[in-house]
Amino acid sequence: MSAMIDSGNVRRRTKIVATLGPSTDDGAVLREVIRAGTNVLRLNFSHGTDEQHVARIHAARRIARELDRDVALLGDLQGPKIRIQRFANGPVHLRDDATFVIDTGHDPDGGNEEIVGTTYTELPHDLDVGDTLMINDGRIQLEVTAIEGSRVVSRVIVGGELSDNKGINRQGGGLSATALTEKDKRDIITAAGQDLDYVAISFPRGAEDVQDARRLLRTAGGDGLIVAKIERAEAIENIDSILQVSDAVMVARGDLGVEIGDAELPGVQKDLISRARAAHRIVITATQMMESMIESPIPTRAEVLDVANAVIDGTDAVMLSQETAMGRHPVKVIEAVARVCMGAERRRETRISSHRIDAKFERSDEAIAMSTMYCANHLDVAAIFALTESGSTALWMSRIRSGIPIFALTRHEGTRRRATLYRGVYPVEFDVLQAEPGRVGEYVVSQMLKMGVIEKGDRIIFTRGDLSGISGGTNTMKIVVA
């Protein structure tokens, strides 16, 4: 039975996703990153070799076991990389109003101030005259003036320095590149072989892309949950169908902000978080959350407000990328994010919910979960204990805003790791089959008292099924005093 739950991690409801990389390859650093409060470790398949990824997976699991912590692993697929190619003599400077050509047939290493190649051969077919291309996250902007075979001729709207291999977006979306590349399919096999808990799909346009990824993962023997990264304009248009077939979504604000425009991004983020929670889906908010801490030991006030606003909006997790993968202060950034999350969670609006107050439920276990949260929010309850096989009951509970900790008690390691990403849920190793029939409640209370999670006299709620060890069978809610 896990002993590492009576800690600051229980007081913090919002979860932290940290990306592995060179800065965390030192085992001592990774140990402190986990100890500081990381709940999920991300592997960015855009960088590194299979051997490096596997080594990081093994190190992460070994250290998590040594610390007696449940830590999930998320594999983030690269997706289609639509990029310019390289310049012959280093970075070039594009002048405003100059003509600049992107040519799919140009020498990959022969770019200059007038022309450059691209890795994306379909680019001329996806564009129309008048379209705006955004290069390097929108720092360079080009207006398409002509399409001549393999050549996309443009006028420079916003110029500046441009270097090798920068990304290309079409303002408003519409590039037809498929979400899953051959590399992604190989990485899915790696994710399945390493039993990753989550696999994130980059640049899905609709539900079919997510379903394809799930099918490939299951065929390869993986049972991880699927995260759809929302970073295309088309994904916003198809968000309801994407939510139906995903387990989680990620508000990937980099490419998404380029495609829809930065002015639209705050509203879209809030809407995505709200829609995901309403659909009982997990939601991660990502990109540049603490970017200044790649170099600085403290965040900017703008970053503090950004993280806090995502927490107040209801995100399950905030994600760090280069801050932990390549930054100078990976441990300090985790500590800073944890501190900001806990500060934001003291706001009353993060604990009060009217979600689904008038809804009808389709399943008895869902109804039990919703009833539990209604009671908990209207009683003086110290904790909720959900005896669970798959984690579904705890996930449904976590969709309701509350300041009451939800403990997911399960004998399954995979369920515990996945539950680390659910807001306000804390997984505990617990084998319900060890309890005497008819005395499950007493057993739960006695074990939680021993672990120091509750105290004598505390009122608690626990949920379970009549048939212990059966997934989907939760049909009982009980209120007891320890």
Protein backbone atom coordinates (compact mmCIF):
# COMPACT_ATOMS: atom_id res chain seq x y z
CA MET A 1 0.00 0.00 0.00
CA SER A 2 1.40 3.38 -1.06
CA ALA A 3 2.55 5.54 1.84
CA MET A 4 3.36 8.70 -0.10
CA ILE A 5 -0.01 10.44 -0.15
CA ASP A 6 0.03 12.52 3.04
CA SER A 7 2.05 15.33 1.46
CA GLY A 8 1.82 18.69 -0.24
CA ASN A 9 0.72 16.88 -3.39
CA VAL A 10 -2.60 16.12 -1.73
CA ARG A 11 -3.20 19.78 -0.94
CA ARG A 12 -2.56 20.67 -4.61
CA ARG A 13 -5.43 19.56 -6.82
CA THR A 14 -4.06 20.69 -10.21
CA LYS A 15 -1.52 18.28 -11.65
CA ILE A 16 1.88 19.03 -13.20
CA VAL A 17 3.23 17.50 -16.41
CA ALA A 18 7.00 17.86 -16.83
CA THR A 19 8.94 17.05 -20.01
CA LEU A 20 12.00 14.83 -19.81
CA GLY A 21 15.19 15.88 -21.57
CA PRO A 22 18.89 16.58 -21.11
CA SER A 23 18.23 18.66 -18.00
CA THR A 24 16.56 15.72 -16.24
CA ASP A 25 18.88 12.94 -17.42
CA ASP A 26 20.86 13.21 -14.19
CA GLY A 27 19.12 10.78 -11.84
CA ALA A 28 19.56 13.09 -8.86
CA VAL A 29 17.80 15.92 -10.74
CA LEU A 30 14.95 13.67 -11.89
CA ARG A 31 14.49 12.46 -8.34
CA GLU A 32 14.05 16.06 -7.14
CA VAL A 33 11.75 16.90 -10.07
CA ILE A 34 9.44 14.06 -9.00
CA ARG A 35 9.79 14.88 -5.31
CA ALA A 36 8.92 18.54 -5.99
CA GLY A 37 5.47 17.48 -7.20
CA THR A 38 5.54 16.21 -10.78
CA ASN A 39 2.59 13.93 -11.49
CA VAL A 40 3.21 13.04 -15.15
CA LEU A 41 6.47 12.83 -17.08
CA ARG A 42 6.32 13.60 -20.80
CA LEU A 43 8.50 12.09 -23.50
CA ASN A 44 8.72 14.37 -26.53
CA PHE A 45 9.10 12.06 -29.53
CA SER A 46 10.03 15.08 -31.68
CA HIS A 47 13.52 14.88 -30.17
CA GLY A 48 15.84 12.04 -29.28
CA THR A 49 16.27 8.42 -30.29
CA ASP A 50 14.31 5.32 -29.28
CA GLU A 51 17.22 4.32 -27.08
CA GLN A 52 17.15 7.67 -25.26
CA HIS A 53 13.39 7.45 -24.73
CA VAL A 54 13.56 3.91 -23.37
CA ALA A 55 16.42 4.85 -21.03
CA ARG A 56 14.39 7.80 -19.70
CA ILE A 57 11.32 5.60 -19.22
CA HIS A 58 13.29 3.05 -17.22
CA ALA A 59 14.95 5.75 -15.11
CA ALA A 60 11.62 7.47 -14.41
CA ARG A 61 9.93 4.26 -13.30
CA ARG A 62 12.88 3.18 -11.17
CA ILE A 63 13.05 6.51 -9.33
CA ALA A 64 9.26 6.68 -8.91
CA ARG A 65 9.34 3.22 -7.29
CA GLU A 66 12.19 4.26 -5.00
CA LEU A 67 10.20 7.32 -3.93
CA ASP A 68 7.01 5.24 -3.59
CA ARG A 69 5.19 7.63 -5.93
CA ASP A 70 2.69 6.93 -8.67
CA VAL A 71 3.93 8.88 -11.72
CA ALA A 72 2.38 8.52 -15.17
CA LEU A 73 4.30 8.59 -18.45
CA LEU A 74 2.99 10.44 -21.51
CA GLY A 75 4.42 9.88 -25.00
CA ASP A 76 3.91 12.94 -27.22
CA LEU A 77 4.02 12.09 -30.94
CA GLN A 78 5.79 14.49 -33.30
CA GLY A 79 3.08 14.64 -35.95
CA PRO A 80 3.55 16.19 -39.39
CA LYS A 81 6.32 18.76 -39.37
CA ILE A 82 5.58 21.32 -42.06
CA ARG A 83 8.81 23.26 -42.31
CA ILE A 84 11.00 25.28 -44.59
CA GLN A 85 14.38 23.74 -45.33
CA ARG A 86 17.87 25.21 -44.97
CA PHE A 87 19.80 28.28 -46.09
CA ALA A 88 23.16 28.00 -47.83
CA ASN A 89 24.94 30.71 -45.85
CA GLY A 90 23.17 30.84 -42.50
CA PRO A 91 20.14 32.91 -41.44
CA VAL A 92 18.72 35.44 -43.90
CA HIS A 93 16.87 38.70 -43.35
CA LEU A 94 13.54 39.12 -45.17
CA ARG A 95 12.63 42.71 -45.95
CA ASP A 96 9.02 43.92 -45.77
CA ASP A 97 7.32 43.92 -49.22
CA ALA A 98 10.09 41.79 -50.74
CA THR A 99 9.20 38.74 -52.85
CA PHE A 100 9.98 35.39 -51.26
CA VAL A 101 9.42 31.95 -52.78
CA ILE A 102 8.89 28.60 -51.07
CA ASP A 103 9.59 25.86 -53.61
CA THR A 104 8.98 22.15 -52.96
CA GLY A 105 11.55 21.31 -55.65
CA HIS A 106 14.33 23.62 -54.46
CA ASP A 107 17.72 22.38 -53.22
CA PRO A 108 17.11 21.47 -49.52
CA ASP A 109 20.34 23.21 -48.50
CA GLY A 110 20.31 26.03 -51.04
CA GLY A 111 18.01 28.66 -49.58
CA ASN A 112 18.72 32.41 -49.74
CA GLU A 113 16.90 35.72 -49.24
CA GLU A 114 14.72 35.04 -52.30
CA ILE A 115 13.86 31.33 -52.11
CA VAL A 116 13.88 28.29 -49.81
CA GLY A 117 12.76 24.67 -50.04
CA THR A 118 10.16 22.92 -47.90
CA THR A 119 9.68 19.42 -46.51
CA TYR A 120 5.95 19.55 -47.32
CA THR A 121 5.39 18.68 -50.96
CA GLU A 122 1.63 19.33 -50.85
CA LEU A 123 2.03 23.00 -49.88
CA PRO A 124 1.18 24.48 -53.32
CA HIS A 125 -1.97 22.35 -53.51
CA ASP A 126 -3.23 23.50 -50.10
CA LEU A 127 -2.98 27.23 -50.77
CA ASP A 128 -4.82 29.93 -52.68
CA VAL A 129 -3.70 33.39 -53.73
CA GLY A 130 -4.36 35.76 -50.83
CA ASP A 131 -3.63 33.22 -48.09
CA THR A 132 -1.30 34.20 -45.27
CA LEU A 133 1.57 31.92 -44.27
CA MET A 134 3.00 32.18 -40.78
CA ILE A 135 6.65 31.11 -40.41
CA ASN A 136 8.43 30.48 -37.11
CA ASP A 137 5.31 30.85 -34.92
CA GLY A 138 4.15 33.89 -36.86
CA ARG A 139 7.33 35.93 -36.50
CA ILE A 140 7.54 35.97 -40.31
CA GLN A 141 4.30 36.53 -42.27
CA LEU A 142 3.89 36.04 -46.01
CA GLU A 143 0.97 36.82 -48.34
CA VAL A 144 0.62 34.32 -51.19
CA THR A 145 0.63 36.22 -54.49
CA ALA A 146 0.98 33.36 -57.01
CA ILE A 147 1.24 29.59 -57.22
CA GLU A 148 3.43 28.36 -60.06
CA GLY A 149 3.74 24.58 -60.09
CA SER A 150 6.00 23.66 -57.17
CA ARG A 151 6.58 27.34 -56.31
CA VAL A 152 4.57 29.38 -53.79
CA VAL A 153 5.34 33.04 -54.52
CA SER A 154 4.67 35.48 -51.69
CA ARG A 155 5.04 39.06 -50.52
CA VAL A 156 6.69 39.60 -47.14
CA ILE A 157 4.14 41.23 -44.81
CA VAL A 158 6.20 40.97 -41.64
CA GLY A 159 9.90 40.46 -42.21
CA GLY A 160 12.87 39.71 -40.03
CA GLU A 161 15.54 37.11 -39.52
CA LEU A 162 14.75 33.59 -40.72
CA SER A 163 16.86 30.50 -40.07
CA ASP A 164 16.76 26.82 -40.99
CA ASN A 165 13.87 24.38 -40.47
CA LYS A 166 11.26 26.79 -39.12
CA GLY A 167 7.62 25.70 -39.04
CA ILE A 168 4.96 26.79 -41.54
CA ASN A 169 1.30 27.42 -40.67
CA ARG A 170 -1.54 28.72 -42.80
CA GLN A 171 -3.49 31.41 -40.98
CA GLY A 172 -6.93 29.95 -40.35
CA GLY A 173 -5.72 26.38 -40.86
CA GLY A 174 -6.34 24.20 -43.88
CA LEU A 175 -3.04 22.41 -44.53
CA SER A 176 -3.95 18.82 -45.39
CA ALA A 177 -1.01 16.94 -43.85
CA THR A 178 -2.19 13.74 -42.15
CA ALA A 179 -1.91 13.65 -38.36
CA LEU A 180 -0.02 10.34 -38.16
CA THR A 181 3.29 10.06 -40.01
CA GLU A 182 5.33 6.89 -40.51
CA LYS A 183 7.55 8.03 -37.63
CA ASP A 184 4.48 8.43 -35.42
CA LYS A 185 3.39 4.89 -36.22
CA ARG A 186 6.81 3.57 -35.17
CA ASP A 187 6.67 5.66 -31.98
CA ILE A 188 3.22 4.26 -31.17
CA ILE A 189 4.76 0.78 -31.26
CA THR A 190 7.44 2.02 -28.85
CA ALA A 191 4.77 3.54 -26.59
CA ALA A 192 2.87 0.24 -26.52
CA GLY A 193 6.00 -1.79 -25.86
CA GLN A 194 6.92 0.44 -22.91
CA ASP A 195 3.37 0.47 -21.51
CA LEU A 196 3.03 4.25 -21.58
CA ASP A 197 -0.02 5.55 -19.72
CA TYR A 198 -0.92 8.30 -22.20
CA VAL A 199 -0.17 8.87 -25.89
CA ALA A 200 -0.68 12.38 -27.31
CA ILE A 201 -1.62 12.84 -30.97
CA SER A 202 -0.24 15.99 -32.62
CA PHE A 203 -2.26 18.01 -35.14
CA PRO A 204 -5.44 15.89 -35.34
CA ARG A 205 -8.05 17.49 -37.58
CA GLY A 206 -11.01 15.38 -36.48
CA ALA A 207 -12.22 12.27 -34.71
CA GLU A 208 -10.89 9.90 -37.37
CA ASP A 209 -7.27 10.86 -36.63
CA VAL A 210 -7.78 10.04 -32.94
CA GLN A 211 -9.51 6.75 -33.73
CA ASP A 212 -6.66 5.77 -36.06
CA ALA A 213 -4.13 6.38 -33.30
CA ARG A 214 -6.13 4.36 -30.77
CA ARG A 215 -6.47 1.47 -33.21
CA LEU A 216 -2.73 1.43 -33.89
CA LEU A 217 -1.94 1.57 -30.17
CA ARG A 218 -4.32 -1.29 -29.33
CA THR A 219 -3.04 -3.38 -32.25
CA ALA A 220 0.49 -2.92 -30.88
CA GLY A 221 -0.67 -4.17 -27.48
CA GLY A 222 -0.86 -0.81 -25.66
CA ASP A 223 -3.72 0.18 -23.37
CA GLY A 224 -2.74 3.79 -22.71
CA LEU A 225 -5.24 6.64 -22.89
CA ILE A 226 -5.32 8.94 -25.93
CA VAL A 227 -4.72 12.69 -25.68
CA ALA A 228 -5.79 14.84 -28.64
CA LYS A 229 -3.62 17.94 -28.95
CA ILE A 230 -5.76 20.85 -30.10
CA GLU A 231 -3.44 22.89 -32.30
CA ARG A 232 -5.23 23.18 -35.65
CA ALA A 233 -8.08 25.50 -36.53
CA GLU A 234 -9.96 22.48 -37.92
CA ALA A 235 -9.74 20.78 -34.52
CA ILE A 236 -11.65 23.68 -32.97
CA GLU A 237 -14.39 23.24 -35.57
CA ASN A 238 -14.56 19.49 -34.85
CA ILE A 239 -14.04 19.66 -31.09
CA ASP A 240 -17.27 17.90 -30.08
CA SER A 241 -16.52 14.82 -32.18
CA ILE A 242 -12.88 14.83 -31.05
CA LEU A 243 -13.96 14.91 -27.41
CA GLN A 244 -16.26 11.93 -27.99
CA VAL A 245 -13.40 9.67 -29.08
CA SER A 246 -10.54 11.04 -26.91
CA ASP A 247 -9.70 10.37 -23.28
CA ALA A 248 -8.09 13.79 -22.86
CA VAL A 249 -7.32 16.95 -24.80
CA MET A 250 -4.36 19.27 -24.64
CA VAL A 251 -4.72 23.00 -25.26
CA ALA A 252 -1.49 23.24 -27.30
CA ARG A 253 -1.27 27.00 -27.51
CA GLY A 254 1.78 27.34 -29.77
CA ASP A 255 0.58 26.23 -33.20
CA LEU A 256 -3.05 26.87 -32.23
CA GLY A 257 -2.31 30.50 -31.47
CA VAL A 258 -0.56 30.90 -34.82
CA GLU A 259 -3.49 29.42 -36.75
CA ILE A 260 -6.38 31.21 -35.02
CA GLY A 261 -4.57 34.38 -33.92
CA ASP A 262 -3.39 35.36 -30.47
CA ALA A 263 -6.45 37.54 -29.79
CA GLU A 264 -8.72 34.49 -30.06
CA LEU A 265 -6.56 32.20 -27.93
CA PRO A 266 -7.69 33.15 -24.37
CA GLY A 267 -11.36 32.64 -25.14
CA VAL A 268 -10.71 29.39 -26.97
CA GLN A 269 -8.64 28.08 -24.05
CA LYS A 270 -11.46 28.77 -21.60
CA ASP A 271 -14.01 27.18 -23.92
CA LEU A 272 -11.90 24.06 -24.48
CA ILE A 273 -11.40 23.53 -20.74
CA SER A 274 -15.12 23.95 -20.10
CA ARG A 275 -16.15 21.62 -22.94
CA ALA A 276 -13.66 18.95 -21.90
CA ARG A 277 -14.88 18.90 -18.31
CA ALA A 278 -18.52 18.83 -19.42
CA ALA A 279 -17.70 15.79 -21.60
CA HIS A 280 -15.93 14.03 -18.67
CA ARG A 281 -12.59 14.38 -20.43
CA ILE A 282 -9.21 15.29 -18.93
CA VAL A 283 -7.69 18.60 -20.11
CA ILE A 284 -4.05 19.72 -20.10
CA THR A 285 -3.01 23.34 -20.71
CA ALA A 286 0.39 23.63 -22.41
CA THR A 287 2.99 25.86 -24.07
CA GLN A 288 5.09 28.70 -22.63
CA MET A 289 3.57 28.45 -19.17
CA MET A 290 6.86 29.31 -17.46
CA GLU A 291 9.11 29.86 -20.48
CA SER A 292 11.25 32.56 -18.87
CA MET A 293 12.37 29.93 -16.34
CA ILE A 294 14.36 28.17 -19.04
CA GLU A 295 16.98 30.69 -17.95
CA SER A 296 15.55 32.55 -14.94
CA PRO A 297 15.19 31.03 -11.45
CA ILE A 298 11.87 32.86 -10.94
CA PRO A 299 8.81 33.30 -13.20
CA THR A 300 7.46 36.55 -14.55
CA ARG A 301 4.25 37.93 -13.10
CA ALA A 302 2.57 37.36 -16.46
CA GLU A 303 3.48 33.65 -16.27
CA VAL A 304 2.16 33.43 -12.72
CA LEU A 305 -1.16 34.90 -13.87
CA ASP A 306 -1.24 32.58 -16.91
CA VAL A 307 -0.86 29.45 -14.79
CA ALA A 308 -3.31 30.72 -12.18
CA ASN A 309 -5.96 31.55 -14.77
CA ALA A 310 -5.74 28.05 -16.26
CA VAL A 311 -6.22 26.62 -12.76
CA ILE A 312 -9.22 28.86 -12.09
CA ASP A 313 -10.67 27.85 -15.48
CA GLY A 314 -10.59 24.23 -14.31
CA THR A 315 -7.68 22.62 -16.16
CA ASP A 316 -6.65 19.22 -14.85
CA ALA A 317 -2.97 19.88 -15.45
CA VAL A 318 -0.45 22.43 -16.61
CA MET A 319 2.43 21.25 -18.76
CA LEU A 320 6.06 22.31 -18.90
CA SER A 321 8.15 21.69 -22.01
CA GLN A 322 11.60 23.23 -22.46
CA GLU A 323 11.43 24.59 -18.92
CA THR A 324 12.22 21.12 -17.56
CA ALA A 325 13.63 19.37 -20.63
CA MET A 326 16.37 21.88 -21.38
CA GLY A 327 16.09 24.60 -18.75
CA ARG A 328 18.63 25.57 -16.13
CA HIS A 329 16.20 25.23 -13.19
CA PRO A 330 13.96 22.16 -13.68
CA VAL A 331 13.32 21.65 -9.97
CA LYS A 332 12.66 25.33 -9.24
CA VAL A 333 10.12 25.54 -12.07
CA ILE A 334 8.15 22.60 -10.66
CA GLU A 335 8.20 24.24 -7.23
CA ALA A 336 7.04 27.55 -8.75
CA VAL A 337 4.16 25.97 -10.67
CA ALA A 338 3.06 23.99 -7.60
CA ARG A 339 3.10 27.17 -5.51
CA VAL A 340 1.02 29.12 -8.06
CA CYS A 341 -1.49 26.28 -8.47
CA MET A 342 -2.07 26.07 -4.75
CA GLY A 343 -2.51 29.82 -4.52
CA ALA A 344 -5.10 29.81 -7.30
CA GLU A 345 -6.92 26.87 -5.74
CA ARG A 346 -7.64 28.94 -2.66
CA ARG A 347 -10.08 30.94 -4.76
CA ARG A 348 -13.68 30.05 -3.90
CA GLU A 349 -14.68 29.59 -7.54
CA THR A 350 -12.33 26.61 -7.87
CA ARG A 351 -14.38 24.70 -5.26
CA ILE A 352 -17.99 25.54 -6.15
CA SER A 353 -19.82 23.75 -8.96
CA SER A 354 -23.28 23.51 -10.48
CA HIS A 355 -22.02 21.19 -13.22
CA ARG A 356 -24.66 18.68 -14.38
CA ILE A 357 -27.11 19.78 -11.68
CA ASP A 358 -30.04 19.17 -14.08
CA ALA A 359 -28.49 16.31 -16.07
CA LYS A 360 -29.75 12.77 -16.44
CA PHE A 361 -27.24 9.97 -16.04
CA GLU A 362 -26.85 6.95 -18.29
CA ARG A 363 -25.03 4.63 -15.87
CA SER A 364 -25.48 3.77 -12.20
CA ASP A 365 -21.77 4.25 -11.43
CA GLU A 366 -21.90 7.72 -12.98
CA ALA A 367 -24.97 8.55 -10.88
CA ILE A 368 -23.18 7.37 -7.73
CA ALA A 369 -20.17 9.56 -8.58
CA MET A 370 -22.31 12.65 -9.15
CA SER A 371 -24.38 12.00 -6.01
CA THR A 372 -21.22 11.64 -3.98
CA MET A 373 -19.92 15.01 -5.10
CA TYR A 374 -23.26 16.72 -4.44
CA CYS A 375 -23.31 15.34 -0.90
CA ALA A 376 -19.64 16.11 -0.31
CA ASN A 377 -20.08 19.73 -1.37
CA HIS A 378 -23.03 20.14 1.01
CA LEU A 379 -21.67 18.28 4.04
CA ASP A 380 -18.64 18.75 6.24
CA VAL A 381 -16.68 15.91 4.58
CA ALA A 382 -12.95 15.38 5.11
CA ALA A 383 -12.32 13.03 2.17
CA ILE A 384 -13.88 10.83 -0.49
CA PHE A 385 -12.66 7.28 -1.08
CA ALA A 386 -13.57 5.65 -4.39
CA LEU A 387 -12.84 1.93 -4.60
CA THR A 388 -12.21 1.55 -8.31
CA GLU A 389 -10.93 -0.91 -10.88
CA SER A 390 -10.74 1.26 -14.01
CA GLY A 391 -10.67 4.72 -12.38
CA SER A 392 -13.88 5.87 -14.06
CA THR A 393 -15.71 6.71 -10.83
CA ALA A 394 -12.85 8.90 -9.63
CA LEU A 395 -12.64 10.61 -13.04
CA TRP A 396 -16.36 11.45 -13.01
CA MET A 397 -16.05 12.80 -9.47
CA SER A 398 -13.11 14.98 -10.49
CA ARG A 399 -15.24 16.77 -13.12
CA ILE A 400 -17.09 18.49 -10.26
CA ARG A 401 -15.34 21.46 -8.70
CA SER A 402 -14.60 20.73 -5.05
CA GLY A 403 -11.92 21.30 -2.46
CA ILE A 404 -12.42 17.82 -0.99
CA PRO A 405 -9.68 15.28 -1.80
CA ILE A 406 -10.76 12.24 -3.82
CA PHE A 407 -8.71 9.12 -3.15
CA ALA A 408 -8.81 6.49 -5.89
CA LEU A 409 -8.29 3.19 -4.07
CA THR A 410 -7.24 0.49 -6.51
CA ARG A 411 -5.09 -2.62 -6.74
CA HIS A 412 -4.14 -1.89 -10.37
CA GLU A 413 -0.89 0.00 -10.97
CA GLY A 414 -2.01 1.19 -14.42
CA THR A 415 -5.19 2.69 -12.98
CA ARG A 416 -3.20 4.47 -10.28
CA ARG A 417 -0.77 5.94 -12.81
CA ARG A 418 -3.54 7.17 -15.10
CA ALA A 419 -5.41 8.72 -12.16
CA THR A 420 -2.41 10.92 -11.34
CA LEU A 421 -3.62 13.24 -14.12
CA TYR A 422 -7.17 13.70 -12.77
CA ARG A 423 -7.66 16.99 -10.98
CA GLY A 424 -8.12 16.56 -7.25
CA VAL A 425 -7.64 12.77 -7.37
CA TYR A 426 -4.90 10.97 -5.45
CA PRO A 427 -4.28 7.29 -6.24
CA VAL A 428 -3.68 4.82 -3.41
CA GLU A 429 -2.59 1.20 -3.70
CA PHE A 430 -5.45 -0.71 -2.08
CA ASP A 431 -6.59 -4.30 -2.59
CA VAL A 432 -10.29 -4.46 -1.78
CA LEU A 433 -10.13 -8.25 -1.99
CA GLN A 434 -8.20 -8.23 1.32
CA ALA A 435 -11.27 -6.94 3.16
CA GLU A 436 -13.70 -9.36 4.78
CA PRO A 437 -17.03 -9.54 2.96
CA GLY A 438 -19.48 -7.11 4.51
CA ARG A 439 -16.73 -5.15 6.28
CA VAL A 440 -15.22 -3.21 3.38
CA GLY A 441 -16.13 0.17 4.88
CA GLU A 442 -14.50 -0.65 8.19
CA TYR A 443 -11.38 -1.84 6.37
CA VAL A 444 -11.16 1.37 4.33
CA VAL A 445 -11.49 3.53 7.44
CA SER A 446 -8.96 1.53 9.45
CA GLN A 447 -6.36 1.64 6.67
CA MET A 448 -6.82 5.36 6.02
CA LEU A 449 -6.48 6.09 9.74
CA LYS A 450 -3.23 4.12 9.80
CA MET A 451 -1.90 6.10 6.86
CA GLY A 452 -2.76 9.41 8.48
CA VAL A 453 -5.05 10.50 5.65
CA ILE A 454 -7.98 11.03 8.02
CA GLU A 455 -8.41 11.44 11.76
CA LYS A 456 -10.82 9.97 14.27
CA GLY A 457 -14.15 11.77 14.06
CA ASP A 458 -13.78 12.79 10.40
CA ARG A 459 -16.81 12.32 8.20
CA ILE A 460 -15.98 10.55 4.95
CA ILE A 461 -17.79 9.19 1.92
CA PHE A 462 -16.76 6.00 0.20
CA THR A 463 -18.10 4.35 -2.94
CA ARG A 464 -17.83 0.76 -4.07
CA GLY A 465 -19.61 -2.01 -5.95
CA ASP A 466 -21.44 -4.98 -4.49
CA LEU A 467 -19.15 -7.29 -6.45
CA SER A 468 -15.59 -6.46 -5.42
CA GLY A 469 -12.99 -6.48 -8.19
CA ILE A 470 -15.49 -5.97 -11.05
CA SER A 471 -14.92 -2.97 -13.36
CA GLY A 472 -17.91 -0.68 -13.88
CA GLY A 473 -19.85 -2.05 -10.92
CA THR A 474 -19.87 0.92 -8.53
CA ASN A 475 -23.41 1.11 -7.12
CA THR A 476 -23.00 2.10 -3.46
CA MET A 477 -22.27 5.37 -1.68
CA LYS A 478 -21.87 5.36 2.09
CA ILE A 479 -21.32 8.20 4.55
CA VAL A 480 -19.46 7.20 7.70
CA VAL A 481 -17.66 8.79 10.63
CA ALA A 482 -14.15 7.50 11.29
